[in-house]
């Protein structure tokens, strides 16, 4: 729309404290680290213990600059939802020559 960008990023297994969103002008960067542990027991004995660790990052440029102070980020069911308001006054302008 004309006022903001809506971005959705699927990051299954990530906690909000493991996700980093950075906005610089019209560039947005999302990075996350995911750690999962799985343990199977039988009769008090550990039969299987697995640990998974992974990281991912993605960066992209938008057509307009973003008002970084007004960005809203929500994590729901493994989906990161970003609302990135377009900065007012950003964009091309004609410059008078003196």
C-alpha atoms as a PDB file:
ATOM      1  CA  UNK A   1       0.000   0.000   0.000  1.00  0.00           C
ATOM      2  CA  UNK A   2       1.020   3.646  -0.054  1.00  0.00           C
ATOM      3  CA  UNK A   3       1.801   3.942   3.666  1.00  0.00           C
ATOM      4  CA  UNK A   4       3.844   0.868   4.553  1.00  0.00           C
ATOM      5  CA  UNK A   5       5.338  -2.460   3.512  1.00  0.00           C
ATOM      6  CA  UNK A   6       4.091  -5.734   5.005  1.00  0.00           C
ATOM      7  CA  UNK A   7       6.708  -8.514   5.184  1.00  0.00           C
ATOM      8  CA  UNK A   8       6.213 -12.107   6.365  1.00  0.00           C
ATOM      9  CA  UNK A   9       9.135 -14.440   7.036  1.00  0.00           C
ATOM     10  CA  UNK A  10       8.725 -18.052   8.128  1.00  0.00           C
ATOM     11  CA  UNK A  11      11.257 -18.908  10.842  1.00  0.00           C
ATOM     12  CA  UNK A  12      10.050 -22.165  12.425  1.00  0.00           C
ATOM     13  CA  UNK A  13      11.517 -23.012  15.815  1.00  0.00           C
ATOM     14  CA  UNK A  14      13.014 -19.555  16.397  1.00  0.00           C
ATOM     15  CA  UNK A  15      12.358 -17.572  19.558  1.00  0.00           C
ATOM     16  CA  UNK A  16      11.964 -13.804  19.405  1.00  0.00           C
ATOM     17  CA  UNK A  17      15.230 -13.292  21.306  1.00  0.00           C
ATOM     18  CA  UNK A  18      17.060 -15.271  18.596  1.00  0.00           C
ATOM     19  CA  UNK A  19      15.839 -13.061  15.726  1.00  0.00           C
ATOM     20  CA  UNK A  20      17.461  -9.788  14.694  1.00  0.00           C
ATOM     21  CA  UNK A  21      15.862  -7.263  12.337  1.00  0.00           C
ATOM     22  CA  UNK A  22      17.934  -4.319  11.102  1.00  0.00           C
ATOM     23  CA  UNK A  23      16.625  -1.417   9.012  1.00  0.00           C
ATOM     24  CA  UNK A  24      18.975   1.042   7.316  1.00  0.00           C
ATOM     25  CA  UNK A  25      17.276   3.437   4.909  1.00  0.00           C
ATOM     26  CA  UNK A  26      15.598   1.183   2.361  1.00  0.00           C
ATOM     27  CA  UNK A  27      17.585  -1.957   3.254  1.00  0.00           C
ATOM     28  CA  UNK A  28      16.111  -4.581   5.610  1.00  0.00           C
ATOM     29  CA  UNK A  29      18.078  -7.465   7.103  1.00  0.00           C
ATOM     30  CA  UNK A  30      16.593 -10.410   9.015  1.00  0.00           C
ATOM     31  CA  UNK A  31      18.808 -12.974  10.745  1.00  0.00           C
ATOM     32  CA  UNK A  32      17.970 -15.824  13.105  1.00  0.00           C
ATOM     33  CA  UNK A  33      19.612 -18.644  15.008  1.00  0.00           C
ATOM     34  CA  UNK A  34      17.622 -21.776  15.797  1.00  0.00           C
ATOM     35  CA  UNK A  35      18.593 -24.403  18.347  1.00  0.00           C
ATOM     36  CA  UNK A  36      16.509 -27.509  18.948  1.00  0.00           C
ATOM     37  CA  UNK A  37      17.179 -30.347  21.331  1.00  0.00           C
ATOM     38  CA  UNK A  38      15.460 -33.712  21.242  1.00  0.00           C
ATOM     39  CA  UNK A  39      15.822 -36.413  23.841  1.00  0.00           C
ATOM     40  CA  UNK A  40      14.181 -39.834  24.003  1.00  0.00           C
ATOM     41  CA  UNK A  41      14.183 -41.802  27.250  1.00  0.00           C
ATOM     42  CA  UNK A  42      13.068 -45.265  28.234  1.00  0.00           C
ATOM     43  CA  UNK A  43      12.966 -46.331  31.859  1.00  0.00           C
ATOM     44  CA  UNK A  44      15.129 -43.422  32.969  1.00  0.00           C
ATOM     45  CA  UNK A  45      17.829 -44.158  30.380  1.00  0.00           C
ATOM     46  CA  UNK A  46      18.589 -41.804  27.541  1.00  0.00           C
ATOM     47  CA  UNK A  47      18.203 -43.675  24.255  1.00  0.00           C
ATOM     48  CA  UNK A  48      18.717 -40.786  21.884  1.00  0.00           C
ATOM     49  CA  UNK A  49      19.832 -37.197  22.252  1.00  0.00           C
ATOM     50  CA  UNK A  50      20.041 -34.872  19.261  1.00  0.00           C
ATOM     51  CA  UNK A  51      20.919 -31.223  19.000  1.00  0.00           C
ATOM     52  CA  UNK A  52      20.242 -29.138  15.906  1.00  0.00           C
ATOM     53  CA  UNK A  53      21.715 -25.708  15.431  1.00  0.00           C
ATOM     54  CA  UNK A  54      21.298 -23.520  12.404  1.00  0.00           C
ATOM     55  CA  UNK A  55      21.372 -19.911  11.335  1.00  0.00           C
ATOM     56  CA  UNK A  56      19.914 -18.052   8.414  1.00  0.00           C
ATOM     57  CA  UNK A  57      19.875 -14.492   7.160  1.00  0.00           C
ATOM     58  CA  UNK A  58      18.190 -12.574   4.409  1.00  0.00           C
ATOM     59  CA  UNK A  59      18.572  -8.995   3.253  1.00  0.00           C
ATOM     60  CA  UNK A  60      16.592  -7.042   0.702  1.00  0.00           C
ATOM     61  CA  UNK A  61      16.131  -3.524  -0.629  1.00  0.00           C
ATOM     62  CA  UNK A  62      12.794  -1.731  -0.822  1.00  0.00           C
ATOM     63  CA  UNK A  63      11.756   0.947  -3.293  1.00  0.00           C
ATOM     64  CA  UNK A  64      11.304   3.572  -0.538  1.00  0.00           C
ATOM     65  CA  UNK A  65      13.171   4.367   2.663  1.00  0.00           C
ATOM     66  CA  UNK A  66      11.603   3.081   5.866  1.00  0.00           C
ATOM     67  CA  UNK A  67      10.905   5.000   9.087  1.00  0.00           C
ATOM     68  CA  UNK A  68      13.074   2.755  11.290  1.00  0.00           C
ATOM     69  CA  UNK A  69      11.667   4.182  14.536  1.00  0.00           C
ATOM     70  CA  UNK A  70       8.105   3.136  13.608  1.00  0.00           C
ATOM     71  CA  UNK A  71       8.798  -0.460  12.490  1.00  0.00           C
ATOM     72  CA  UNK A  72       6.625  -3.097  14.201  1.00  0.00           C
ATOM     73  CA  UNK A  73       7.736  -6.750  14.422  1.00  0.00           C
ATOM     74  CA  UNK A  74       5.594  -9.634  15.725  1.00  0.00           C
ATOM     75  CA  UNK A  75       6.385 -13.344  15.937  1.00  0.00           C
ATOM     76  CA  UNK A  76       3.379 -15.686  15.845  1.00  0.00           C
ATOM     77  CA  UNK A  77       3.545 -19.458  15.320  1.00  0.00           C
ATOM     78  CA  UNK A  78       6.962 -19.333  13.651  1.00  0.00           C
ATOM     79  CA  UNK A  79       6.021 -16.467  11.307  1.00  0.00           C
ATOM     80  CA  UNK A  80       7.711 -13.080  11.685  1.00  0.00           C
ATOM     81  CA  UNK A  81       5.426 -10.242  10.571  1.00  0.00           C
ATOM     82  CA  UNK A  82       6.982  -6.845   9.889  1.00  0.00           C
ATOM     83  CA  UNK A  83       5.165  -3.578   9.294  1.00  0.00           C
ATOM     84  CA  UNK A  84       7.633  -1.147   7.720  1.00  0.00           C
ATOM     85  CA  UNK A  85       6.202   2.387   7.378  1.00  0.00           C
ATOM     86  CA  UNK A  86       7.469   4.313   4.369  1.00  0.00           C
ATOM     87  CA  UNK A  87       9.378   7.410   5.378  1.00  0.00           C
ATOM     88  CA  UNK A  88       7.531  10.595   4.510  1.00  0.00           C
ATOM     89  CA  UNK A  89       9.382  12.819   2.108  1.00  0.00           C
ATOM     90  CA  UNK A  90      11.597  10.010   0.863  1.00  0.00           C
ATOM     91  CA  UNK A  91      11.940   9.564  -2.847  1.00  0.00           C
ATOM     92  CA  UNK A  92      13.055  11.482  -5.885  1.00  0.00           C
ATOM     93  CA  UNK A  93      12.909  15.238  -6.090  1.00  0.00           C
ATOM     94  CA  UNK A  94      13.785  17.825  -8.676  1.00  0.00           C
ATOM     95  CA  UNK A  95      16.723  20.047  -7.785  1.00  0.00           C
ATOM     96  CA  UNK A  96      16.880  23.633  -9.025  1.00  0.00           C
ATOM     97  CA  UNK A  97      20.188  24.643 -10.573  1.00  0.00           C
ATOM     98  CA  UNK A  98      21.629  27.939  -9.361  1.00  0.00           C
END
